Amino acid sequence: MERPFVKITEQPSPYDDLEHKRAGELLRCMNEQDKLVAPAVERALPQIEQLVIRLTERMARGGRLFYLGAGTSGRLGVLDASEIPPTFGMPPTLVVGLIAGGDRALRNPVEGAEDDPRQGWLDLAAHAPTPDDTVVGIASSGTTPYVVGAVREARSRGLLTAGITSNPGSPLSAEAEIAIETAVGPEVVTGSSRLKSGTAQKMVCNMITTATMVRLGRVRGSRMVNMQLSNRKLIDRGTRMIVEETGTEYNVAKNLLLLYGSVSAALEALRDRQTEI
């Protein structure tokens, strides 16, 4: 008889009688556990690096990144995907977050949505995936049928697949080509993977997309030169980038920024003008 998979994320909390602790004690407990997250992510850096290298190659050929998850994991994938257009000026179709139960599940639980091993691939199929695309399944447990089933099918069809999980040796790790395992240990509130596991997932997603966008030329130095100019703060930030880079007077730099739509394009226009002179 096959032994059941033991999930670290479901093990008892290191603390007991939480309801009897003072606010400060609760916060110190959580803070102590949060200190375990960065080292757990650090141990997974070789796998994250492998994913970034291969993902960048595919995106350079026109490939896309799909995050796939349920509950907190799904919400974190959608969050990371939604930040790519404003931060790096890329189309919203480049990085796509899919969550079991659809957009409704972003705010409200959808009963049974994560339990169908076929639905994840059906949600992906609606985007007409190709072998140049990459699928990253996110599941703290590493057992979510919606995620595991989609990753299995995607890999069988030639897509690059990765899995982010807090449980080493999970079914998700077995199905994914690249297993990113952040073993953060049991949660303060037993089984509440929105805590350490969720923090680790957020850190890993940040790394994946940020490093990929830098490698694709969407950052200059350390500056977001392709950010969307969606408010006064960002217009001012972009204007100051141009001033610092070229010494151009502030109002002239602002007008150029608004004319060309991005710091990168404005700087290119300035370089072209100087070349003509």
C-alpha atoms as a PDB file:
ATOM      1  CA  MET A   1       0.000   0.000   0.000  1.00  0.00           C
ATOM      2  CA  GLU A   2       1.383   3.378  -1.038  1.00  0.00           C
ATOM      3  CA  ARG A   3       2.189   5.667   1.884  1.00  0.00           C
ATOM      4  CA  PRO A   4       0.391   9.049   1.867  1.00  0.00           C
ATOM      5  CA  PHE A   5       2.477  12.112   1.026  1.00  0.00           C
ATOM      6  CA  VAL A   6       3.384  13.970   4.240  1.00  0.00           C
ATOM      7  CA  LYS A   7       3.050  17.738   3.927  1.00  0.00           C
ATOM      8  CA  ILE A   8       5.347  19.892   6.038  1.00  0.00           C
ATOM      9  CA  THR A   9       2.874  22.733   5.581  1.00  0.00           C
ATOM     10  CA  GLU A  10       0.217  20.741   7.443  1.00  0.00           C
ATOM     11  CA  GLN A  11       2.402  19.870  10.439  1.00  0.00           C
ATOM     12  CA  PRO A  12       1.539  21.392  13.853  1.00  0.00           C
ATOM     13  CA  SER A  13       2.616  24.960  14.548  1.00  0.00           C
ATOM     14  CA  PRO A  14       5.782  25.470  16.595  1.00  0.00           C
ATOM     15  CA  TYR A  15       3.583  27.420  19.012  1.00  0.00           C
ATOM     16  CA  ASP A  16       0.533  26.508  21.044  1.00  0.00           C
ATOM     17  CA  ASP A  17      -2.183  28.455  22.870  1.00  0.00           C
ATOM     18  CA  LEU A  18      -1.949  31.329  20.403  1.00  0.00           C
ATOM     19  CA  GLU A  19      -5.234  32.719  21.704  1.00  0.00           C
ATOM     20  CA  HIS A  20      -3.629  33.265  25.121  1.00  0.00           C
ATOM     21  CA  LYS A  21      -0.646  35.250  23.838  1.00  0.00           C
ATOM     22  CA  ARG A  22      -0.451  39.031  23.956  1.00  0.00           C
ATOM     23  CA  ALA A  23      -0.311  40.981  20.712  1.00  0.00           C
ATOM     24  CA  GLY A  24       3.418  41.559  21.024  1.00  0.00           C
ATOM     25  CA  GLU A  25       4.066  37.876  21.658  1.00  0.00           C
ATOM     26  CA  LEU A  26       2.054  36.900  18.581  1.00  0.00           C
ATOM     27  CA  LEU A  27       3.964  39.346  16.429  1.00  0.00           C
ATOM     28  CA  ARG A  28       7.328  38.130  17.714  1.00  0.00           C
ATOM     29  CA  CYS A  29       6.324  34.536  16.954  1.00  0.00           C
ATOM     30  CA  MET A  30       5.399  35.469  13.403  1.00  0.00           C
ATOM     31  CA  ASN A  31       8.545  37.534  12.966  1.00  0.00           C
ATOM     32  CA  GLU A  32      10.737  34.672  14.157  1.00  0.00           C
ATOM     33  CA  GLN A  33       9.143  32.338  11.642  1.00  0.00           C
ATOM     34  CA  ASP A  34       9.372  34.893   8.832  1.00  0.00           C
ATOM     35  CA  LYS A  35      13.147  34.913   9.325  1.00  0.00           C
ATOM     36  CA  LEU A  36      13.182  31.368   7.932  1.00  0.00           C
ATOM     37  CA  VAL A  37      11.772  32.417   4.555  1.00  0.00           C
ATOM     38  CA  ALA A  38      14.771  34.108   2.916  1.00  0.00           C
ATOM     39  CA  PRO A  39      17.161  31.205   3.668  1.00  0.00           C
ATOM     40  CA  ALA A  40      14.600  28.756   2.243  1.00  0.00           C
ATOM     41  CA  VAL A  41      14.379  30.810  -0.952  1.00  0.00           C
ATOM     42  CA  GLU A  42      18.166  31.068  -1.088  1.00  0.00           C
ATOM     43  CA  ARG A  43      18.446  27.276  -1.143  1.00  0.00           C
ATOM     44  CA  ALA A  44      16.228  27.258  -4.252  1.00  0.00           C
ATOM     45  CA  LEU A  45      18.278  29.849  -6.176  1.00  0.00           C
ATOM     46  CA  PRO A  46      19.901  27.301  -8.555  1.00  0.00           C
ATOM     47  CA  GLN A  47      16.463  26.149  -9.731  1.00  0.00           C
ATOM     48  CA  ILE A  48      15.161  29.718 -10.002  1.00  0.00           C
ATOM     49  CA  GLU A  49      18.237  30.641 -12.043  1.00  0.00           C
ATOM     50  CA  GLN A  50      17.676  27.725 -14.401  1.00  0.00           C
ATOM     51  CA  LEU A  51      14.085  28.846 -14.930  1.00  0.00           C
ATOM     52  CA  VAL A  52      15.037  32.477 -15.567  1.00  0.00           C
ATOM     53  CA  ILE A  53      17.649  31.517 -18.173  1.00  0.00           C
ATOM     54  CA  ARG A  54      15.305  29.232 -20.070  1.00  0.00           C
ATOM     55  CA  LEU A  55      12.298  31.546 -19.693  1.00  0.00           C
ATOM     56  CA  THR A  56      14.267  34.496 -21.085  1.00  0.00           C
ATOM     57  CA  GLU A  57      15.241  32.455 -24.146  1.00  0.00           C
ATOM     58  CA  ARG A  58      11.610  31.591 -24.794  1.00  0.00           C
ATOM     59  CA  MET A  59      10.319  35.117 -24.255  1.00  0.00           C
ATOM     60  CA  ALA A  60      12.926  36.419 -26.705  1.00  0.00           C
ATOM     61  CA  ARG A  61      11.263  34.125 -29.269  1.00  0.00           C
ATOM     62  CA  GLY A  62       7.809  35.436 -28.429  1.00  0.00           C
ATOM     63  CA  GLY A  63       6.910  33.013 -25.654  1.00  0.00           C
ATOM     64  CA  ARG A  64       4.746  33.849 -22.651  1.00  0.00           C
ATOM     65  CA  LEU A  65       4.725  33.004 -18.954  1.00  0.00           C
ATOM     66  CA  PHE A  66       1.640  31.507 -17.321  1.00  0.00           C
ATOM     67  CA  TYR A  67       1.269  31.298 -13.558  1.00  0.00           C
ATOM     68  CA  LEU A  68      -1.263  28.751 -12.374  1.00  0.00           C
ATOM     69  CA  GLY A  69      -2.552  28.320  -8.830  1.00  0.00           C
ATOM     70  CA  ALA A  70      -5.502  28.079  -6.454  1.00  0.00           C
ATOM     71  CA  GLY A  71      -6.392  30.185  -3.434  1.00  0.00           C
ATOM     72  CA  THR A  72      -3.500  32.232  -2.048  1.00  0.00           C
ATOM     73  CA  SER A  73      -1.072  30.687  -4.541  1.00  0.00           C
ATOM     74  CA  GLY A  74      -3.300  31.640  -7.462  1.00  0.00           C
ATOM     75  CA  ARG A  75      -3.777  35.176  -6.153  1.00  0.00           C
ATOM     76  CA  LEU A  76      -0.031  35.675  -5.833  1.00  0.00           C
ATOM     77  CA  GLY A  77       0.500  34.552  -9.430  1.00  0.00           C
ATOM     78  CA  VAL A  78      -2.179  36.961 -10.657  1.00  0.00           C
ATOM     79  CA  LEU A  79      -0.609  39.738  -8.568  1.00  0.00           C
ATOM     80  CA  ASP A  80       2.841  39.253 -10.044  1.00  0.00           C
ATOM     81  CA  ALA A  81       1.471  39.052 -13.584  1.00  0.00           C
ATOM     82  CA  SER A  82      -0.577  42.230 -13.125  1.00  0.00           C
ATOM     83  CA  GLU A  83       2.508  44.223 -12.128  1.00  0.00           C
ATOM     84  CA  ILE A  84       4.500  43.503 -15.296  1.00  0.00           C
ATOM     85  CA  PRO A  85       2.760  46.020 -17.630  1.00  0.00           C
ATOM     86  CA  PRO A  86       3.041  49.056 -15.310  1.00  0.00           C
ATOM     87  CA  THR A  87       6.547  48.237 -14.104  1.00  0.00           C
ATOM     88  CA  PHE A  88       8.180  47.167 -17.353  1.00  0.00           C
ATOM     89  CA  GLY A  89       5.842  48.471 -20.062  1.00  0.00           C
ATOM     90  CA  MET A  90       5.127  45.001 -21.439  1.00  0.00           C
ATOM     91  CA  PRO A  91       1.733  43.879 -22.794  1.00  0.00           C
ATOM     92  CA  PRO A  92      -0.637  42.198 -20.318  1.00  0.00           C
ATOM     93  CA  THR A  93      -0.601  39.069 -22.483  1.00  0.00           C
ATOM     94  CA  LEU A  94       3.108  38.394 -21.801  1.00  0.00           C
ATOM     95  CA  VAL A  95       2.718  37.207 -18.202  1.00  0.00           C
ATOM     96  CA  VAL A  96      -0.698  35.763 -17.378  1.00  0.00           C
ATOM     97  CA  GLY A  97      -1.973  34.649 -13.982  1.00  0.00           C
ATOM     98  CA  LEU A  98      -4.653  31.954 -13.895  1.00  0.00           C
ATOM     99  CA  ILE A  99      -6.498  31.044 -10.717  1.00  0.00           C
ATOM    100  CA  ALA A 100      -8.807  28.087 -10.088  1.00  0.00           C
ATOM    101  CA  GLY A 101     -12.365  29.398 -10.178  1.00  0.00           C
ATOM    102  CA  GLY A 102     -11.535  32.387 -12.382  1.00  0.00           C
ATOM    103  CA  ASP A 103     -11.529  36.061 -11.444  1.00  0.00           C
ATOM    104  CA  ARG A 104     -14.296  35.560  -8.907  1.00  0.00           C
ATOM    105  CA  ALA A 105     -11.835  33.482  -6.843  1.00  0.00           C
ATOM    106  CA  LEU A 106      -9.565  36.496  -6.409  1.00  0.00           C
ATOM    107  CA  ARG A 107     -11.928  37.766  -3.710  1.00  0.00           C
ATOM    108  CA  ASN A 108     -14.160  34.839  -2.836  1.00  0.00           C
ATOM    109  CA  PRO A 109     -13.535  31.100  -2.459  1.00  0.00           C
ATOM    110  CA  VAL A 110     -15.048  28.988  -5.235  1.00  0.00           C
ATOM    111  CA  GLU A 111     -16.065  25.597  -3.888  1.00  0.00           C
ATOM    112  CA  GLY A 112     -14.259  22.657  -5.456  1.00  0.00           C
ATOM    113  CA  ALA A 113     -12.490  24.807  -8.065  1.00  0.00           C
ATOM    114  CA  GLU A 114      -9.045  23.423  -7.296  1.00  0.00           C
ATOM    115  CA  ASP A 115     -10.085  19.766  -7.199  1.00  0.00           C
ATOM    116  CA  ASP A 116     -10.462  19.123 -10.950  1.00  0.00           C
ATOM    117  CA  PRO A 117      -7.155  17.930 -12.465  1.00  0.00           C
ATOM    118  CA  ARG A 118      -8.400  18.760 -15.989  1.00  0.00           C
ATOM    119  CA  GLN A 119      -9.575  22.317 -15.459  1.00  0.00           C
ATOM    120  CA  GLY A 120      -6.131  23.887 -15.181  1.00  0.00           C
ATOM    121  CA  TRP A 121      -5.165  22.760 -18.664  1.00  0.00           C
ATOM    122  CA  LEU A 122      -8.567  23.812 -20.022  1.00  0.00           C
ATOM    123  CA  ASP A 123      -7.972  27.315 -18.625  1.00  0.00           C
ATOM    124  CA  LEU A 124      -4.529  27.350 -20.230  1.00  0.00           C
ATOM    125  CA  ALA A 125      -5.840  26.005 -23.529  1.00  0.00           C
ATOM    126  CA  ALA A 126      -8.079  29.072 -23.861  1.00  0.00           C
ATOM    127  CA  HIS A 127      -4.853  31.052 -24.441  1.00  0.00           C
ATOM    128  CA  ALA A 128      -3.647  28.753 -27.254  1.00  0.00           C
ATOM    129  CA  PRO A 129      -0.318  27.842 -25.617  1.00  0.00           C
ATOM    130  CA  THR A 130       2.701  26.911 -27.743  1.00  0.00           C
ATOM    131  CA  PRO A 131       6.010  25.126 -26.956  1.00  0.00           C
ATOM    132  CA  ASP A 132       7.660  28.556 -26.558  1.00  0.00           C
ATOM    133  CA  ASP A 133       5.427  29.264 -23.551  1.00  0.00           C
ATOM    134  CA  THR A 134       6.289  28.529 -19.925  1.00  0.00           C
ATOM    135  CA  VAL A 135       3.929  27.308 -17.210  1.00  0.00           C
ATOM    136  CA  VAL A 136       4.754  27.847 -13.538  1.00  0.00           C
ATOM    137  CA  GLY A 137       2.443  25.997 -11.187  1.00  0.00           C
ATOM    138  CA  ILE A 138       2.221  27.447  -7.675  1.00  0.00           C
ATOM    139  CA  ALA A 139       0.953  25.257  -4.819  1.00  0.00           C
ATOM    140  CA  SER A 140       2.201  25.351  -1.250  1.00  0.00           C
ATOM    141  CA  SER A 141       0.982  21.797  -0.712  1.00  0.00           C
ATOM    142  CA  GLY A 142       2.380  20.563  -4.018  1.00  0.00           C
ATOM    143  CA  THR A 143      -0.729  18.414  -4.416  1.00  0.00           C
ATOM    144  CA  THR A 144      -3.415  20.763  -5.791  1.00  0.00           C
ATOM    145  CA  PRO A 145      -5.095  18.795  -8.637  1.00  0.00           C
ATOM    146  CA  TYR A 146      -5.860  21.944 -10.676  1.00  0.00           C
ATOM    147  CA  VAL A 147      -2.139  22.804 -10.709  1.00  0.00           C
ATOM    148  CA  VAL A 148      -0.569  19.348 -10.896  1.00  0.00           C
ATOM    149  CA  GLY A 149      -2.832  18.261 -13.756  1.00  0.00           C
ATOM    150  CA  ALA A 150      -2.117  21.398 -15.785  1.00  0.00           C
ATOM    151  CA  VAL A 151       1.653  21.129 -15.316  1.00  0.00           C
ATOM    152  CA  ARG A 152       1.600  17.463 -16.306  1.00  0.00           C
ATOM    153  CA  GLU A 153      -0.342  18.194 -19.501  1.00  0.00           C
ATOM    154  CA  ALA A 154       1.715  21.262 -20.371  1.00  0.00           C
ATOM    155  CA  ARG A 155       4.964  19.327 -20.047  1.00  0.00           C
ATOM    156  CA  SER A 156       3.630  16.501 -22.213  1.00  0.00           C
ATOM    157  CA  ARG A 157       2.924  19.077 -24.932  1.00  0.00           C
ATOM    158  CA  GLY A 158       6.462  20.484 -24.909  1.00  0.00           C
ATOM    159  CA  LEU A 159       6.000  23.592 -22.791  1.00  0.00           C
ATOM    160  CA  LEU A 160       8.655  24.477 -20.214  1.00  0.00           C
ATOM    161  CA  THR A 161       7.208  23.769 -16.771  1.00  0.00           C
ATOM    162  CA  ALA A 162       8.184  24.675 -13.213  1.00  0.00           C
ATOM    163  CA  GLY A 163       6.557  24.201  -9.849  1.00  0.00           C
ATOM    164  CA  ILE A 164       6.793  26.386  -6.743  1.00  0.00           C
ATOM    165  CA  THR A 165       5.968  24.499  -3.572  1.00  0.00           C
ATOM    166  CA  SER A 166       6.801  24.428   0.138  1.00  0.00           C
ATOM    167  CA  ASN A 167       6.783  20.621   0.308  1.00  0.00           C
ATOM    168  CA  PRO A 168       9.891  18.881  -1.092  1.00  0.00           C
ATOM    169  CA  GLY A 169       9.233  15.716  -3.064  1.00  0.00           C
ATOM    170  CA  SER A 170       5.633  16.642  -3.800  1.00  0.00           C
ATOM    171  CA  PRO A 171       3.590  15.478  -6.815  1.00  0.00           C
ATOM    172  CA  LEU A 172       4.005  18.969  -8.324  1.00  0.00           C
ATOM    173  CA  SER A 173       7.794  18.707  -8.079  1.00  0.00           C
ATOM    174  CA  ALA A 174       7.641  15.293  -9.746  1.00  0.00           C
ATOM    175  CA  GLU A 175       5.571  16.586 -12.677  1.00  0.00           C
ATOM    176  CA  ALA A 176       7.467  19.850 -13.277  1.00  0.00           C
ATOM    177  CA  GLU A 177      10.675  20.029 -15.271  1.00  0.00           C
ATOM    178  CA  ILE A 178      12.095  22.517 -12.759  1.00  0.00           C
ATOM    179  CA  ALA A 179      11.147  22.007  -9.093  1.00  0.00           C
ATOM    180  CA  ILE A 180      11.451  25.145  -6.967  1.00  0.00           C
ATOM    181  CA  GLU A 181      11.034  23.975  -3.386  1.00  0.00           C
ATOM    182  CA  THR A 182      11.014  26.514  -0.554  1.00  0.00           C
ATOM    183  CA  ALA A 183      10.832  24.434   2.619  1.00  0.00           C
ATOM    184  CA  VAL A 184       9.825  27.087   5.140  1.00  0.00           C
ATOM    185  CA  GLY A 185       8.421  24.616   7.674  1.00  0.00           C
ATOM    186  CA  PRO A 186       5.103  24.546   9.562  1.00  0.00           C
ATOM    187  CA  GLU A 187       3.072  27.740   9.786  1.00  0.00           C
ATOM    188  CA  VAL A 188       2.374  29.754  12.951  1.00  0.00           C
ATOM    189  CA  VAL A 189      -1.311  29.033  12.380  1.00  0.00           C
ATOM    190  CA  THR A 190      -1.246  25.361  11.416  1.00  0.00           C
ATOM    191  CA  GLY A 191      -1.877  24.877   7.696  1.00  0.00           C
ATOM    192  CA  SER A 192      -2.298  28.601   6.939  1.00  0.00           C
ATOM    193  CA  SER A 193      -0.038  28.756   3.897  1.00  0.00           C
ATOM    194  CA  ARG A 194      -0.863  32.423   3.293  1.00  0.00           C
ATOM    195  CA  LEU A 195       1.865  33.079   5.889  1.00  0.00           C
ATOM    196  CA  LYS A 196       5.461  31.843   5.353  1.00  0.00           C
ATOM    197  CA  SER A 197       4.640  29.796   2.267  1.00  0.00           C
ATOM    198  CA  GLY A 198       2.874  32.727   0.650  1.00  0.00           C
ATOM    199  CA  THR A 199       5.761  35.045   1.467  1.00  0.00           C
ATOM    200  CA  ALA A 200       8.222  32.622  -0.120  1.00  0.00           C
ATOM    201  CA  GLN A 201       6.035  32.329  -3.226  1.00  0.00           C
ATOM    202  CA  LYS A 202       5.876  36.114  -3.569  1.00  0.00           C
ATOM    203  CA  MET A 203       9.652  36.366  -3.295  1.00  0.00           C
ATOM    204  CA  VAL A 204      10.192  33.671  -5.933  1.00  0.00           C
ATOM    205  CA  CYS A 205       7.702  35.215  -8.370  1.00  0.00           C
ATOM    206  CA  ASN A 206       9.364  38.611  -7.897  1.00  0.00           C
ATOM    207  CA  MET A 207      12.716  37.058  -8.741  1.00  0.00           C
ATOM    208  CA  ILE A 208      11.466  35.190 -11.805  1.00  0.00           C
ATOM    209  CA  THR A 209       9.836  38.124 -13.567  1.00  0.00           C
ATOM    210  CA  THR A 210      12.205  40.877 -12.446  1.00  0.00           C
ATOM    211  CA  ALA A 211      15.341  38.990 -13.473  1.00  0.00           C
ATOM    212  CA  THR A 212      13.728  38.029 -16.775  1.00  0.00           C
ATOM    213  CA  MET A 213      12.680  41.600 -17.559  1.00  0.00           C
ATOM    214  CA  VAL A 214      16.176  42.877 -16.750  1.00  0.00           C
ATOM    215  CA  ARG A 215      17.683  40.270 -19.079  1.00  0.00           C
ATOM    216  CA  LEU A 216      15.232  41.325 -21.807  1.00  0.00           C
ATOM    217  CA  GLY A 217      16.486  44.915 -21.597  1.00  0.00           C
ATOM    218  CA  ARG A 218      13.522  46.479 -19.796  1.00  0.00           C
ATOM    219  CA  VAL A 219      15.746  48.030 -17.096  1.00  0.00           C
ATOM    220  CA  ARG A 220      18.645  50.474 -17.553  1.00  0.00           C
ATOM    221  CA  GLY A 221      21.132  50.503 -14.695  1.00  0.00           C
ATOM    222  CA  SER A 222      18.616  49.989 -11.929  1.00  0.00           C
ATOM    223  CA  ARG A 223      15.924  52.187 -13.430  1.00  0.00           C
ATOM    224  CA  MET A 224      12.472  51.239 -14.706  1.00  0.00           C
ATOM    225  CA  VAL A 225      12.946  53.051 -18.002  1.00  0.00           C
ATOM    226  CA  ASN A 226       9.923  51.390 -19.601  1.00  0.00           C
ATOM    227  CA  MET A 227       7.386  51.905 -16.801  1.00  0.00           C
ATOM    228  CA  GLN A 228       3.894  53.099 -17.676  1.00  0.00           C
ATOM    229  CA  LEU A 229       3.348  56.799 -16.949  1.00  0.00           C
ATOM    230  CA  SER A 230       0.066  56.250 -15.148  1.00  0.00           C
ATOM    231  CA  ASN A 231       0.245  58.986 -12.489  1.00  0.00           C
ATOM    232  CA  ARG A 232       2.045  62.198 -11.499  1.00  0.00           C
ATOM    233  CA  LYS A 233       4.532  60.371  -9.265  1.00  0.00           C
ATOM    234  CA  LEU A 234       5.712  58.166 -12.127  1.00  0.00           C
ATOM    235  CA  ILE A 235       5.864  61.072 -14.572  1.00  0.00           C
ATOM    236  CA  ASP A 236       8.025  62.953 -12.087  1.00  0.00           C
ATOM    237  CA  ARG A 237      10.215  59.892 -11.505  1.00  0.00           C
ATOM    238  CA  GLY A 238      10.683  59.406 -15.233  1.00  0.00           C
ATOM    239  CA  THR A 239      11.463  63.079 -15.758  1.00  0.00           C
ATOM    240  CA  ARG A 240      14.127  62.998 -13.058  1.00  0.00           C
ATOM    241  CA  MET A 241      15.664  59.907 -14.669  1.00  0.00           C
ATOM    242  CA  ILE A 242      16.090  61.839 -17.916  1.00  0.00           C
ATOM    243  CA  VAL A 243      17.497  64.876 -16.095  1.00  0.00           C
ATOM    244  CA  GLU A 244      20.023  62.743 -14.196  1.00  0.00           C
ATOM    245  CA  GLU A 245      21.034  60.836 -17.314  1.00  0.00           C
ATOM    246  CA  THR A 246      21.405  63.792 -19.698  1.00  0.00           C
ATOM    247  CA  GLY A 247      21.466  67.028 -17.702  1.00  0.00           C
ATOM    248  CA  THR A 248      18.419  68.243 -19.641  1.00  0.00           C
ATOM    249  CA  GLU A 249      16.326  70.962 -17.984  1.00  0.00           C
ATOM    250  CA  TYR A 250      13.387  69.503 -16.007  1.00  0.00           C
ATOM    251  CA  ASN A 251      10.509  70.921 -18.076  1.00  0.00           C
ATOM    252  CA  VAL A 252      12.204  69.959 -21.337  1.00  0.00           C
ATOM    253  CA  ALA A 253      12.749  66.436 -20.020  1.00  0.00           C
ATOM    254  CA  LYS A 254       9.124  66.195 -18.909  1.00  0.00           C
ATOM    255  CA  ASN A 255       7.840  67.295 -22.309  1.00  0.00           C
ATOM    256  CA  LEU A 256      10.071  64.736 -24.022  1.00  0.00           C
ATOM    257  CA  LEU A 257       8.885  62.029 -21.676  1.00  0.00           C
ATOM    258  CA  LEU A 258       5.232  62.785 -22.360  1.00  0.00           C
ATOM    259  CA  LEU A 259       5.872  63.054 -26.091  1.00  0.00           C
ATOM    260  CA  TYR A 260       7.652  59.698 -26.438  1.00  0.00           C
ATOM    261  CA  GLY A 261       5.791  57.813 -23.715  1.00  0.00           C
ATOM    262  CA  SER A 262       8.710  56.263 -21.827  1.00  0.00           C
ATOM    263  CA  VAL A 263      12.102  57.123 -20.378  1.00  0.00           C
ATOM    264  CA  SER A 264      13.739  54.668 -22.758  1.00  0.00           C
ATOM    265  CA  ALA A 265      12.174  56.192 -25.857  1.00  0.00           C
ATOM    266  CA  ALA A 266      12.885  59.758 -24.688  1.00  0.00           C
ATOM    267  CA  LEU A 267      16.556  58.943 -24.065  1.00  0.00           C
ATOM    268  CA  GLU A 268      16.806  57.330 -27.495  1.00  0.00           C
ATOM    269  CA  ALA A 269      15.321  60.439 -29.084  1.00  0.00           C
ATOM    270  CA  LEU A 270      17.817  62.641 -27.257  1.00  0.00           C
ATOM    271  CA  ARG A 271      20.711  60.460 -28.416  1.00  0.00           C
ATOM    272  CA  ASP A 272      19.484  60.682 -32.001  1.00  0.00           C
ATOM    273  CA  ARG A 273      19.317  64.491 -31.765  1.00  0.00           C
ATOM    274  CA  GLN A 274      22.859  64.700 -30.403  1.00  0.00           C
ATOM    275  CA  THR A 275      24.099  62.406 -33.184  1.00  0.00           C
ATOM    276  CA  GLU A 276      22.516  64.652 -35.836  1.00  0.00           C
ATOM    277  CA  ILE A 277      24.203  67.685 -34.289  1.00  0.00           C
END
